């Protein structure tokens, strides 16, 4: 997980995208185990950090990260708490409120995250 965390924070955009894609694949192909690994490996905070600086991140990377966060949030209450504790809710709200919101990202958030919250 350390390599993924390092890559998510890299200044190399392709490195960030590959790490984000790896995280998404972890939670979509082996959801319970993948989510557990991301939470226990402290990757969730890094994913949220990427959302917090969304204006400096490529749309494909951001889409992978948001997709991953929504999958983690749909896990157990412990998994959802990890997103909340990492500041994920304000970060996702800021992304939705931003003028630079990409339709694909907003769609993921609207159709996956928001119904689950309410």
PDB file of N, CA and C in Angstrom:
ATOM      1  N   UNK A   1       0.809  -1.192   0.000  1.00  0.00           N
ATOM      2  CA  UNK A   1       0.000   0.000   0.000  1.00  0.00           C
ATOM      3  C   UNK A   1       0.860   1.268   0.000  1.00  0.00           C
ATOM      4  N   UNK A   2       2.065   1.163   0.538  1.00  0.00           N
ATOM      5  CA  UNK A   2       2.943   2.341   0.566  1.00  0.00           C
ATOM      6  C   UNK A   2       3.243   2.848  -0.836  1.00  0.00           C
ATOM      7  N   UNK A   3       3.451   1.939  -1.777  1.00  0.00           N
ATOM      8  CA  UNK A   3       3.740   2.349  -3.152  1.00  0.00           C
ATOM      9  C   UNK A   3       2.532   3.058  -3.767  1.00  0.00           C
ATOM     10  N   UNK A   4       1.347   2.571  -3.478  1.00  0.00           N
ATOM     11  CA  UNK A   4       0.132   3.218  -3.987  1.00  0.00           C
ATOM     12  C   UNK A   4       0.001   4.610  -3.385  1.00  0.00           C
ATOM     13  N   UNK A   5       0.212   4.717  -2.090  1.00  0.00           N
ATOM     14  CA  UNK A   5       0.111   6.015  -1.415  1.00  0.00           C
ATOM     15  C   UNK A   5       1.107   6.999  -2.006  1.00  0.00           C
ATOM     16  N   UNK A   6       2.322   6.548  -2.212  1.00  0.00           N
ATOM     17  CA  UNK A   6       3.356   7.407  -2.783  1.00  0.00           C
ATOM     18  C   UNK A   6       2.957   7.850  -4.198  1.00  0.00           C
ATOM     19  N   UNK A   7       2.445   6.927  -4.991  1.00  0.00           N
ATOM     20  CA  UNK A   7       2.063   7.237  -6.366  1.00  0.00           C
ATOM     21  C   UNK A   7       0.880   8.192  -6.437  1.00  0.00           C
ATOM     22  N   UNK A   8      -0.067   8.060  -5.515  1.00  0.00           N
ATOM     23  CA  UNK A   8      -1.209   8.983  -5.502  1.00  0.00           C
ATOM     24  C   UNK A   8      -0.772  10.424  -5.250  1.00  0.00           C
ATOM     25  N   UNK A   9       0.302  10.583  -4.517  1.00  0.00           N
ATOM     26  CA  UNK A   9       0.791  11.923  -4.190  1.00  0.00           C
ATOM     27  C   UNK A   9       1.900  12.395  -5.142  1.00  0.00           C
ATOM     28  N   UNK A  10       2.183  11.618  -6.155  1.00  0.00           N
ATOM     29  CA  UNK A  10       3.246  11.937  -7.108  1.00  0.00           C
ATOM     30  C   UNK A  10       2.892  13.185  -7.925  1.00  0.00           C
ATOM     31  N   UNK A  11       3.914  13.864  -8.395  1.00  0.00           N
ATOM     32  CA  UNK A  11       3.702  14.988  -9.314  1.00  0.00           C
ATOM     33  C   UNK A  11       3.567  14.498 -10.754  1.00  0.00           C
ATOM     34  N   UNK A  12       3.830  13.223 -10.978  1.00  0.00           N
ATOM     35  CA  UNK A  12       3.703  12.617 -12.302  1.00  0.00           C
ATOM     36  C   UNK A  12       2.238  12.206 -12.510  1.00  0.00           C
ATOM     37  N   UNK A  13       1.564  12.867 -13.435  1.00  0.00           N
ATOM     38  CA  UNK A  13       0.139  12.622 -13.659  1.00  0.00           C
ATOM     39  C   UNK A  13      -0.152  11.181 -14.060  1.00  0.00           C
ATOM     40  N   UNK A  14       0.685  10.589 -14.865  1.00  0.00           N
ATOM     41  CA  UNK A  14       0.432   9.204 -15.282  1.00  0.00           C
ATOM     42  C   UNK A  14       0.609   8.235 -14.113  1.00  0.00           C
ATOM     43  N   UNK A  15       1.531   8.538 -13.238  1.00  0.00           N
ATOM     44  CA  UNK A  15       1.750   7.728 -12.037  1.00  0.00           C
ATOM     45  C   UNK A  15       0.524   7.812 -11.121  1.00  0.00           C
ATOM     46  N   UNK A  16      -0.006   9.027 -10.941  1.00  0.00           N
ATOM     47  CA  UNK A  16      -1.219   9.221 -10.127  1.00  0.00           C
ATOM     48  C   UNK A  16      -2.399   8.465 -10.715  1.00  0.00           C
ATOM     49  N   UNK A  17      -2.553   8.558 -12.044  1.00  0.00           N
ATOM     50  CA  UNK A  17      -3.670   7.871 -12.699  1.00  0.00           C
ATOM     51  C   UNK A  17      -3.558   6.365 -12.508  1.00  0.00           C
ATOM     52  N   UNK A  18      -2.386   5.814 -12.688  1.00  0.00           N
ATOM     53  CA  UNK A  18      -2.193   4.369 -12.530  1.00  0.00           C
ATOM     54  C   UNK A  18      -2.503   3.927 -11.092  1.00  0.00           C
ATOM     55  N   UNK A  19      -2.076   4.697 -10.106  1.00  0.00           N
ATOM     56  CA  UNK A  19      -2.361   4.364  -8.711  1.00  0.00           C
ATOM     57  C   UNK A  19      -3.860   4.445  -8.428  1.00  0.00           C
ATOM     58  N   UNK A  20      -4.502   5.474  -8.948  1.00  0.00           N
ATOM     59  CA  UNK A  20      -5.950   5.628  -8.752  1.00  0.00           C
ATOM     60  C   UNK A  20      -6.701   4.475  -9.409  1.00  0.00           C
ATOM     61  N   UNK A  21      -6.269   4.095 -10.591  1.00  0.00           N
ATOM     62  CA  UNK A  21      -6.906   2.979 -11.296  1.00  0.00           C
ATOM     63  C   UNK A  21      -6.712   1.671 -10.516  1.00  0.00           C
ATOM     64  N   UNK A  22      -5.528   1.483  -9.968  1.00  0.00           N
ATOM     65  CA  UNK A  22      -5.255   0.293  -9.164  1.00  0.00           C
ATOM     66  C   UNK A  22      -6.192   0.232  -7.949  1.00  0.00           C
ATOM     67  N   UNK A  23      -6.397   1.370  -7.302  1.00  0.00           N
ATOM     68  CA  UNK A  23      -7.309   1.420  -6.153  1.00  0.00           C
ATOM     69  C   UNK A  23      -8.722   1.054  -6.570  1.00  0.00           C
ATOM     70  N   UNK A  24      -9.181   1.614  -7.687  1.00  0.00           N
ATOM     71  CA  UNK A  24     -10.533   1.309  -8.148  1.00  0.00           C
ATOM     72  C   UNK A  24     -10.675  -0.173  -8.461  1.00  0.00           C
ATOM     73  N   UNK A  25      -9.678  -0.739  -9.105  1.00  0.00           N
ATOM     74  CA  UNK A  25      -9.741  -2.161  -9.427  1.00  0.00           C
ATOM     75  C   UNK A  25      -9.743  -3.024  -8.165  1.00  0.00           C
ATOM     76  N   UNK A  26      -9.016  -2.599  -7.150  1.00  0.00           N
ATOM     77  CA  UNK A  26      -9.018  -3.331  -5.877  1.00  0.00           C
ATOM     78  C   UNK A  26     -10.418  -3.413  -5.285  1.00  0.00           C
ATOM     79  N   UNK A  27     -11.156  -2.316  -5.334  1.00  0.00           N
ATOM     80  CA  UNK A  27     -12.471  -2.294  -4.691  1.00  0.00           C
ATOM     81  C   UNK A  27     -13.588  -2.800  -5.590  1.00  0.00           C
ATOM     82  N   UNK A  28     -13.335  -2.932  -6.883  1.00  0.00           N
ATOM     83  CA  UNK A  28     -14.392  -3.439  -7.762  1.00  0.00           C
ATOM     84  C   UNK A  28     -14.243  -4.923  -8.062  1.00  0.00           C
ATOM     85  N   UNK A  29     -13.016  -5.437  -8.061  1.00  0.00           N
ATOM     86  CA  UNK A  29     -12.840  -6.851  -8.378  1.00  0.00           C
ATOM     87  C   UNK A  29     -12.839  -7.741  -7.140  1.00  0.00           C
ATOM     88  N   UNK A  30     -12.441  -7.189  -6.017  1.00  0.00           N
ATOM     89  CA  UNK A  30     -12.385  -7.947  -4.761  1.00  0.00           C
ATOM     90  C   UNK A  30     -12.852  -7.000  -3.665  1.00  0.00           C
ATOM     91  N   UNK A  31     -14.104  -6.601  -3.734  1.00  0.00           N
ATOM     92  CA  UNK A  31     -14.584  -5.447  -2.973  1.00  0.00           C
ATOM     93  C   UNK A  31     -14.304  -5.495  -1.475  1.00  0.00           C
ATOM     94  N   UNK A  32     -14.718  -6.521  -0.781  1.00  0.00           N
ATOM     95  CA  UNK A  32     -14.523  -6.537   0.675  1.00  0.00           C
ATOM     96  C   UNK A  32     -13.044  -6.503   1.054  1.00  0.00           C
ATOM     97  N   UNK A  33     -12.270  -7.380   0.441  1.00  0.00           N
ATOM     98  CA  UNK A  33     -10.845  -7.434   0.739  1.00  0.00           C
ATOM     99  C   UNK A  33     -10.130  -6.167   0.247  1.00  0.00           C
ATOM    100  N   UNK A  34     -10.497  -5.699  -0.931  1.00  0.00           N
ATOM    101  CA  UNK A  34      -9.882  -4.493  -1.470  1.00  0.00           C
ATOM    102  C   UNK A  34     -10.160  -3.274  -0.614  1.00  0.00           C
ATOM    103  N   UNK A  35     -11.402  -3.121  -0.197  1.00  0.00           N
ATOM    104  CA  UNK A  35     -11.768  -1.996   0.672  1.00  0.00           C
ATOM    105  C   UNK A  35     -10.997  -2.090   1.987  1.00  0.00           C
ATOM    106  N   UNK A  36     -10.958  -3.283   2.565  1.00  0.00           N
ATOM    107  CA  UNK A  36     -10.229  -3.473   3.819  1.00  0.00           C
ATOM    108  C   UNK A  36      -8.771  -3.076   3.672  1.00  0.00           C
ATOM    109  N   UNK A  37      -8.156  -3.483   2.579  1.00  0.00           N
ATOM    110  CA  UNK A  37      -6.742  -3.154   2.344  1.00  0.00           C
ATOM    111  C   UNK A  37      -6.531  -1.643   2.219  1.00  0.00           C
ATOM    112  N   UNK A  38      -7.426  -0.961   1.527  1.00  0.00           N
ATOM    113  CA  UNK A  38      -7.285   0.491   1.371  1.00  0.00           C
ATOM    114  C   UNK A  38      -7.480   1.211   2.699  1.00  0.00           C
ATOM    115  N   UNK A  39      -8.448   0.755   3.487  1.00  0.00           N
ATOM    116  CA  UNK A  39      -8.695   1.387   4.789  1.00  0.00           C
ATOM    117  C   UNK A  39      -7.536   1.114   5.737  1.00  0.00           C
ATOM    118  N   UNK A  40      -7.150  -0.139   5.874  1.00  0.00           N
ATOM    119  CA  UNK A  40      -6.070  -0.485   6.798  1.00  0.00           C
ATOM    120  C   UNK A  40      -4.712   0.046   6.338  1.00  0.00           C
ATOM    121  N   UNK A  41      -4.551   0.246   5.041  1.00  0.00           N
ATOM    122  CA  UNK A  41      -3.297   0.771   4.519  1.00  0.00           C
ATOM    123  C   UNK A  41      -3.228   2.289   4.511  1.00  0.00           C
ATOM    124  N   UNK A  42      -4.248   2.922   5.084  1.00  0.00           N
ATOM    125  CA  UNK A  42      -4.319   4.381   5.176  1.00  0.00           C
ATOM    126  C   UNK A  42      -4.330   5.080   3.820  1.00  0.00           C
ATOM    127  N   UNK A  43      -4.833   4.405   2.815  1.00  0.00           N
ATOM    128  CA  UNK A  43      -4.911   4.983   1.468  1.00  0.00           C
ATOM    129  C   UNK A  43      -6.099   5.925   1.349  1.00  0.00           C
ATOM    130  N   UNK A  44      -7.121   5.717   2.170  1.00  0.00           N
ATOM    131  CA  UNK A  44      -8.338   6.529   2.088  1.00  0.00           C
ATOM    132  C   UNK A  44      -8.031   8.016   2.230  1.00  0.00           C
ATOM    133  N   UNK A  45      -7.188   8.372   3.165  1.00  0.00           N
ATOM    134  CA  UNK A  45      -6.828   9.780   3.349  1.00  0.00           C
ATOM    135  C   UNK A  45      -6.162  10.369   2.121  1.00  0.00           C
ATOM    136  N   UNK A  46      -5.350   9.569   1.448  1.00  0.00           N
ATOM    137  CA  UNK A  46      -4.696  10.034   0.225  1.00  0.00           C
ATOM    138  C   UNK A  46      -5.706  10.217  -0.907  1.00  0.00           C
ATOM    139  N   UNK A  47      -6.664   9.306  -0.992  1.00  0.00           N
ATOM    140  CA  UNK A  47      -7.719   9.442  -2.004  1.00  0.00           C
ATOM    141  C   UNK A  47      -8.515  10.724  -1.772  1.00  0.00           C
ATOM    142  N   UNK A  48      -8.844  10.980  -0.517  1.00  0.00           N
ATOM    143  CA  UNK A  48      -9.585  12.202  -0.189  1.00  0.00           C
ATOM    144  C   UNK A  48      -8.736  13.434  -0.496  1.00  0.00           C
ATOM    145  N   UNK A  49      -7.451  13.350  -0.229  1.00  0.00           N
ATOM    146  CA  UNK A  49      -6.559  14.478  -0.527  1.00  0.00           C
ATOM    147  C   UNK A  49      -6.562  14.806  -2.017  1.00  0.00           C
ATOM    148  N   UNK A  50      -6.615  13.793  -2.853  1.00  0.00           N
ATOM    149  CA  UNK A  50      -6.686  14.025  -4.302  1.00  0.00           C
ATOM    150  C   UNK A  50      -7.953  14.803  -4.647  1.00  0.00           C
ATOM    151  N   UNK A  51      -9.062  14.453  -4.009  1.00  0.00           N
ATOM    152  CA  UNK A  51     -10.311  15.182  -4.256  1.00  0.00           C
ATOM    153  C   UNK A  51     -10.193  16.630  -3.775  1.00  0.00           C
ATOM    154  N   UNK A  52      -9.535  16.830  -2.657  1.00  0.00           N
ATOM    155  CA  UNK A  52      -9.390  18.181  -2.106  1.00  0.00           C
ATOM    156  C   UNK A  52      -8.630  19.108  -3.048  1.00  0.00           C
ATOM    157  N   UNK A  53      -7.732  18.559  -3.834  1.00  0.00           N
ATOM    158  CA  UNK A  53      -6.961  19.388  -4.781  1.00  0.00           C
ATOM    159  C   UNK A  53      -7.424  19.118  -6.215  1.00  0.00           C
ATOM    160  N   UNK A  54      -8.722  18.855  -6.370  1.00  0.00           N
ATOM    161  CA  UNK A  54      -9.285  18.424  -7.655  1.00  0.00           C
ATOM    162  C   UNK A  54      -8.945  19.351  -8.818  1.00  0.00           C
ATOM    163  N   UNK A  55      -8.776  20.634  -8.555  1.00  0.00           N
ATOM    164  CA  UNK A  55      -8.499  21.565  -9.644  1.00  0.00           C
ATOM    165  C   UNK A  55      -7.120  21.331 -10.272  1.00  0.00           C
ATOM    166  N   UNK A  56      -6.271  20.571  -9.606  1.00  0.00           N
ATOM    167  CA  UNK A  56      -4.922  20.289 -10.109  1.00  0.00           C
ATOM    168  C   UNK A  56      -4.758  18.847 -10.590  1.00  0.00           C
ATOM    169  N   UNK A  57      -5.861  18.101 -10.661  1.00  0.00           N
ATOM    170  CA  UNK A  57      -5.821  16.673 -10.982  1.00  0.00           C
ATOM    171  C   UNK A  57      -6.557  16.433 -12.293  1.00  0.00           C
ATOM    172  N   UNK A  58      -6.039  15.521 -13.101  1.00  0.00           N
ATOM    173  CA  UNK A  58      -6.700  15.211 -14.371  1.00  0.00           C
ATOM    174  C   UNK A  58      -8.083  14.607 -14.123  1.00  0.00           C
ATOM    175  N   UNK A  59      -8.976  14.818 -15.064  1.00  0.00           N
ATOM    176  CA  UNK A  59     -10.335  14.273 -14.954  1.00  0.00           C
ATOM    177  C   UNK A  59     -10.305  12.745 -14.863  1.00  0.00           C
ATOM    178  N   UNK A  60      -9.525  12.035 -15.680  1.00  0.00           N
ATOM    179  CA  UNK A  60      -9.514  10.568 -15.530  1.00  0.00           C
ATOM    180  C   UNK A  60      -9.059  10.101 -14.141  1.00  0.00           C
ATOM    181  N   UNK A  61      -8.049  10.773 -13.580  1.00  0.00           N
ATOM    182  CA  UNK A  61      -7.586  10.404 -12.233  1.00  0.00           C
ATOM    183  C   UNK A  61      -8.674  10.695 -11.214  1.00  0.00           C
ATOM    184  N   UNK A  62      -9.276  11.845 -11.312  1.00  0.00           N
ATOM    185  CA  UNK A  62     -10.329  12.228 -10.372  1.00  0.00           C
ATOM    186  C   UNK A  62     -11.513  11.269 -10.460  1.00  0.00           C
ATOM    187  N   UNK A  63     -11.862  10.874 -11.659  1.00  0.00           N
ATOM    188  CA  UNK A  63     -12.971   9.926 -11.823  1.00  0.00           C
ATOM    189  C   UNK A  63     -12.653   8.590 -11.147  1.00  0.00           C
ATOM    190  N   UNK A  64     -11.430   8.100 -11.314  1.00  0.00           N
ATOM    191  CA  UNK A  64     -11.020   6.846 -10.662  1.00  0.00           C
ATOM    192  C   UNK A  64     -11.076   6.984  -9.141  1.00  0.00           C
ATOM    193  N   UNK A  65     -10.603   8.119  -8.625  1.00  0.00           N
ATOM    194  CA  UNK A  65     -10.567   8.344  -7.177  1.00  0.00           C
ATOM    195  C   UNK A  65     -11.988   8.435  -6.615  1.00  0.00           C
ATOM    196  N   UNK A  66     -12.852   9.198  -7.263  1.00  0.00           N
ATOM    197  CA  UNK A  66     -14.232   9.343  -6.779  1.00  0.00           C
ATOM    198  C   UNK A  66     -14.944   7.993  -6.815  1.00  0.00           C
ATOM    199  N   UNK A  67     -14.739   7.250  -7.867  1.00  0.00           N
ATOM    200  CA  UNK A  67     -15.344   5.923  -7.982  1.00  0.00           C
ATOM    201  C   UNK A  67     -14.872   5.035  -6.826  1.00  0.00           C
ATOM    202  N   UNK A  68     -13.592   5.091  -6.521  1.00  0.00           N
ATOM    203  CA  UNK A  68     -13.042   4.297  -5.420  1.00  0.00           C
ATOM    204  C   UNK A  68     -13.640   4.723  -4.082  1.00  0.00           C
ATOM    205  N   UNK A  69     -13.698   6.025  -3.849  1.00  0.00           N
ATOM    206  CA  UNK A  69     -14.249   6.533  -2.587  1.00  0.00           C
ATOM    207  C   UNK A  69     -15.695   6.085  -2.414  1.00  0.00           C
ATOM    208  N   UNK A  70     -16.485   6.148  -3.489  1.00  0.00           N
ATOM    209  CA  UNK A  70     -17.887   5.736  -3.363  1.00  0.00           C
ATOM    210  C   UNK A  70     -17.997   4.247  -3.057  1.00  0.00           C
ATOM    211  N   UNK A  71     -17.092   3.452  -3.614  1.00  0.00           N
ATOM    212  CA  UNK A  71     -17.101   2.011  -3.312  1.00  0.00           C
ATOM    213  C   UNK A  71     -16.693   1.746  -1.868  1.00  0.00           C
ATOM    214  N   UNK A  72     -15.694   2.464  -1.383  1.00  0.00           N
ATOM    215  CA  UNK A  72     -15.284   2.301   0.014  1.00  0.00           C
ATOM    216  C   UNK A  72     -16.433   2.710   0.938  1.00  0.00           C
ATOM    217  N   UNK A  73     -17.076   3.818   0.635  1.00  0.00           N
ATOM    218  CA  UNK A  73     -18.178   4.311   1.472  1.00  0.00           C
ATOM    219  C   UNK A  73     -19.354   3.344   1.497  1.00  0.00           C
ATOM    220  N   UNK A  74     -19.482   2.525   0.470  1.00  0.00           N
ATOM    221  CA  UNK A  74     -20.599   1.580   0.426  1.00  0.00           C
ATOM    222  C   UNK A  74     -20.304   0.284   1.181  1.00  0.00           C
ATOM    223  N   UNK A  75     -19.129   0.199   1.788  1.00  0.00           N
ATOM    224  CA  UNK A  75     -18.764  -0.992   2.558  1.00  0.00           C
ATOM    225  C   UNK A  75     -19.414  -0.992   3.924  1.00  0.00           C
ATOM    226  N   UNK A  76     -18.696  -1.455   4.904  1.00  0.00           N
ATOM    227  CA  UNK A  76     -19.222  -1.515   6.272  1.00  0.00           C
ATOM    228  C   UNK A  76     -19.258  -0.118   6.889  1.00  0.00           C
ATOM    229  N   UNK A  77     -19.847  -0.012   8.071  1.00  0.00           N
ATOM    230  CA  UNK A  77     -19.881   1.288   8.752  1.00  0.00           C
ATOM    231  C   UNK A  77     -18.465   1.759   9.081  1.00  0.00           C
ATOM    232  N   UNK A  78     -17.556   0.828   9.341  1.00  0.00           N
ATOM    233  CA  UNK A  78     -16.151   1.179   9.590  1.00  0.00           C
ATOM    234  C   UNK A  78     -15.525   1.799   8.333  1.00  0.00           C
ATOM    235  N   UNK A  79     -15.847   1.252   7.182  1.00  0.00           N
ATOM    236  CA  UNK A  79     -15.317   1.784   5.930  1.00  0.00           C
ATOM    237  C   UNK A  79     -15.864   3.181   5.653  1.00  0.00           C
ATOM    238  N   UNK A  80     -17.164   3.344   5.871  1.00  0.00           N
ATOM    239  CA  UNK A  80     -17.774   4.665   5.683  1.00  0.00           C
ATOM    240  C   UNK A  80     -17.161   5.661   6.654  1.00  0.00           C
ATOM    241  N   UNK A  81     -16.944   5.242   7.887  1.00  0.00           N
ATOM    242  CA  UNK A  81     -16.340   6.125   8.891  1.00  0.00           C
ATOM    243  C   UNK A  81     -14.943   6.568   8.464  1.00  0.00           C
ATOM    244  N   UNK A  82     -14.207   5.695   7.797  1.00  0.00           N
ATOM    245  CA  UNK A  82     -12.861   6.058   7.332  1.00  0.00           C
ATOM    246  C   UNK A  82     -12.934   7.218   6.336  1.00  0.00           C
ATOM    247  N   UNK A  83     -13.935   7.200   5.474  1.00  0.00           N
ATOM    248  CA  UNK A  83     -14.127   8.297   4.506  1.00  0.00           C
ATOM    249  C   UNK A  83     -14.487   9.577   5.253  1.00  0.00           C
ATOM    250  N   UNK A  84     -15.393   9.474   6.203  1.00  0.00           N
ATOM    251  CA  UNK A  84     -15.819  10.642   6.977  1.00  0.00           C
ATOM    252  C   UNK A  84     -14.643  11.217   7.768  1.00  0.00           C
ATOM    253  N   UNK A  85     -13.908  10.360   8.461  1.00  0.00           N
ATOM    254  CA  UNK A  85     -12.777  10.812   9.277  1.00  0.00           C
ATOM    255  C   UNK A  85     -11.663  11.438   8.444  1.00  0.00           C
ATOM    256  N   UNK A  86     -11.542  11.023   7.191  1.00  0.00           N
ATOM    257  CA  UNK A  86     -10.514  11.583   6.307  1.00  0.00           C
ATOM    258  C   UNK A  86     -10.944  12.915   5.690  1.00  0.00           C
ATOM    259  N   UNK A  87     -12.168  13.347   6.012  1.00  0.00           N
ATOM    260  CA  UNK A  87     -12.663  14.612   5.452  1.00  0.00           C
ATOM    261  C   UNK A  87     -13.298  14.445   4.087  1.00  0.00           C
ATOM    262  N   UNK A  88     -13.722  13.233   3.777  1.00  0.00           N
ATOM    263  CA  UNK A  88     -14.277  12.949   2.461  1.00  0.00           C
ATOM    264  C   UNK A  88     -15.563  13.662   2.125  1.00  0.00           C
ATOM    265  N   UNK A  89     -16.439  13.831   3.108  1.00  0.00           N
ATOM    266  CA  UNK A  89     -17.731  14.463   2.829  1.00  0.00           C
ATOM    267  C   UNK A  89     -17.549  15.917   2.402  1.00  0.00           C
ATOM    268  N   UNK A  90     -16.845  16.749   3.169  1.00  0.00           N
ATOM    269  CA  UNK A  90     -16.634  18.135   2.708  1.00  0.00           C
ATOM    270  C   UNK A  90     -15.882  18.208   1.374  1.00  0.00           C
ATOM    271  N   UNK A  91     -14.946  17.292   1.166  1.00  0.00           N
ATOM    272  CA  UNK A  91     -14.189  17.301  -0.098  1.00  0.00           C
ATOM    273  C   UNK A  91     -15.093  16.984  -1.283  1.00  0.00           C
ATOM    274  N   UNK A  92     -15.976  16.005  -1.121  1.00  0.00           N
ATOM    275  CA  UNK A  92     -16.899  15.657  -2.204  1.00  0.00           C
ATOM    276  C   UNK A  92     -17.925  16.760  -2.438  1.00  0.00           C
ATOM    277  N   UNK A  93     -18.381  17.390  -1.371  1.00  0.00           N
ATOM    278  CA  UNK A  93     -19.317  18.512  -1.520  1.00  0.00           C
ATOM    279  C   UNK A  93     -18.643  19.667  -2.246  1.00  0.00           C
ATOM    280  N   UNK A  94     -17.391  19.951  -1.892  1.00  0.00           N
ATOM    281  CA  UNK A  94     -16.651  21.020  -2.581  1.00  0.00           C
ATOM    282  C   UNK A  94     -16.482  20.691  -4.059  1.00  0.00           C
ATOM    283  N   UNK A  95     -16.227  19.437  -4.356  1.00  0.00           N
ATOM    284  CA  UNK A  95     -16.096  19.030  -5.757  1.00  0.00           C
ATOM    285  C   UNK A  95     -17.408  19.237  -6.500  1.00  0.00           C
ATOM    286  N   UNK A  96     -18.509  18.835  -5.887  1.00  0.00           N
ATOM    287  CA  UNK A  96     -19.822  19.028  -6.510  1.00  0.00           C
ATOM    288  C   UNK A  96     -20.153  20.506  -6.704  1.00  0.00           C
ATOM    289  N   UNK A  97     -19.687  21.332  -5.776  1.00  0.00           N
ATOM    290  CA  UNK A  97     -19.984  22.762  -5.817  1.00  0.00           C
ATOM    291  C   UNK A  97     -19.063  23.542  -6.739  1.00  0.00           C
ATOM    292  N   UNK A  98     -17.979  22.922  -7.156  1.00  0.00           N
ATOM    293  CA  UNK A  98     -16.983  23.647  -7.946  1.00  0.00           C
ATOM    294  C   UNK A  98     -17.496  23.942  -9.349  1.00  0.00           C
ATOM    295  N   UNK A  99     -16.977  25.007  -9.888  1.00  0.00           N
ATOM    296  CA  UNK A  99     -17.314  25.394 -11.252  1.00  0.00           C
ATOM    297  C   UNK A  99     -16.665  24.458 -12.267  1.00  0.00           C
ATOM    298  N   UNK A 100     -15.661  23.727 -11.820  1.00  0.00           N
ATOM    299  CA  UNK A 100     -14.932  22.854 -12.736  1.00  0.00           C
ATOM    300  C   UNK A 100     -15.432  21.420 -12.709  1.00  0.00           C
ATOM    301  N   UNK A 101     -16.577  21.189 -12.077  1.00  0.00           N
ATOM    302  CA  UNK A 101     -17.091  19.827 -11.969  1.00  0.00           C
ATOM    303  C   UNK A 101     -17.337  19.197 -13.330  1.00  0.00           C
ATOM    304  N   UNK A 102     -16.749  18.063 -13.576  1.00  0.00           N
ATOM    305  CA  UNK A 102     -16.897  17.348 -14.830  1.00  0.00           C
ATOM    306  C   UNK A 102     -18.181  16.518 -14.770  1.00  0.00           C
ATOM    307  N   UNK A 103     -18.968  16.489 -15.849  1.00  0.00           N
ATOM    308  CA  UNK A 103     -20.241  15.749 -15.818  1.00  0.00           C
ATOM    309  C   UNK A 103     -20.117  14.286 -15.410  1.00  0.00           C
ATOM    310  N   UNK A 104     -19.059  13.594 -15.833  1.00  0.00           N
ATOM    311  CA  UNK A 104     -18.913  12.180 -15.464  1.00  0.00           C
ATOM    312  C   UNK A 104     -18.701  12.019 -13.966  1.00  0.00           C
ATOM    313  N   UNK A 105     -17.931  12.915 -13.380  1.00  0.00           N
ATOM    314  CA  UNK A 105     -17.659  12.842 -11.947  1.00  0.00           C
ATOM    315  C   UNK A 105     -18.912  13.190 -11.156  1.00  0.00           C
ATOM    316  N   UNK A 106     -19.587  14.229 -11.571  1.00  0.00           N
ATOM    317  CA  UNK A 106     -20.825  14.615 -10.905  1.00  0.00           C
ATOM    318  C   UNK A 106     -21.843  13.487 -11.007  1.00  0.00           C
ATOM    319  N   UNK A 107     -21.899  12.824 -12.146  1.00  0.00           N
ATOM    320  CA  UNK A 107     -22.821  11.709 -12.326  1.00  0.00           C
ATOM    321  C   UNK A 107     -22.516  10.575 -11.354  1.00  0.00           C
ATOM    322  N   UNK A 108     -21.236  10.245 -11.191  1.00  0.00           N
ATOM    323  CA  UNK A 108     -20.858   9.190 -10.243  1.00  0.00           C
ATOM    324  C   UNK A 108     -21.308   9.571  -8.843  1.00  0.00           C
ATOM    325  N   UNK A 109     -21.062  10.796  -8.461  1.00  0.00           N
ATOM    326  CA  UNK A 109     -21.436  11.238  -7.120  1.00  0.00           C
ATOM    327  C   UNK A 109     -22.944  11.267  -6.929  1.00  0.00           C
ATOM    328  N   UNK A 110     -23.647  11.761  -7.902  1.00  0.00           N
ATOM    329  CA  UNK A 110     -25.110  11.850  -7.773  1.00  0.00           C
ATOM    330  C   UNK A 110     -25.780  10.490  -7.754  1.00  0.00           C
ATOM    331  N   UNK A 111     -25.323   9.587  -8.592  1.00  0.00           N
ATOM    332  CA  UNK A 111     -26.000   8.301  -8.738  1.00  0.00           C
ATOM    333  C   UNK A 111     -25.525   7.222  -7.775  1.00  0.00           C
ATOM    334  N   UNK A 112     -24.373   7.429  -7.164  1.00  0.00           N
ATOM    335  CA  UNK A 112     -23.860   6.406  -6.249  1.00  0.00           C
ATOM    336  C   UNK A 112     -23.815   6.910  -4.825  1.00  0.00           C
ATOM    337  N   UNK A 113     -23.159   8.025  -4.605  1.00  0.00           N
ATOM    338  CA  UNK A 113     -22.907   8.494  -3.240  1.00  0.00           C
ATOM    339  C   UNK A 113     -24.116   9.135  -2.588  1.00  0.00           C
ATOM    340  N   UNK A 114     -24.698  10.078  -3.248  1.00  0.00           N
ATOM    341  CA  UNK A 114     -25.730  10.876  -2.598  1.00  0.00           C
ATOM    342  C   UNK A 114     -26.972  10.085  -2.209  1.00  0.00           C
ATOM    343  N   UNK A 115     -27.484   9.180  -3.038  1.00  0.00           N
ATOM    344  CA  UNK A 115     -28.629   8.374  -2.580  1.00  0.00           C
ATOM    345  C   UNK A 115     -28.287   7.537  -1.358  1.00  0.00           C
ATOM    346  N   UNK A 116     -27.056   7.063  -1.262  1.00  0.00           N
ATOM    347  CA  UNK A 116     -26.662   6.248  -0.126  1.00  0.00           C
ATOM    348  C   UNK A 116     -26.620   7.077   1.158  1.00  0.00           C
ATOM    349  N   UNK A 117     -26.362   8.366   1.031  1.00  0.00           N
ATOM    350  CA  UNK A 117     -26.279   9.236   2.199  1.00  0.00           C
ATOM    351  C   UNK A 117     -27.651   9.643   2.707  1.00  0.00           C
ATOM    352  N   UNK A 118     -28.657   9.564   1.874  1.00  0.00           N
ATOM    353  CA  UNK A 118     -29.942  10.083   2.301  1.00  0.00           C
ATOM    354  C   UNK A 118     -30.983   9.070   2.357  1.00  0.00           C
TER     355      UNK A 118
END
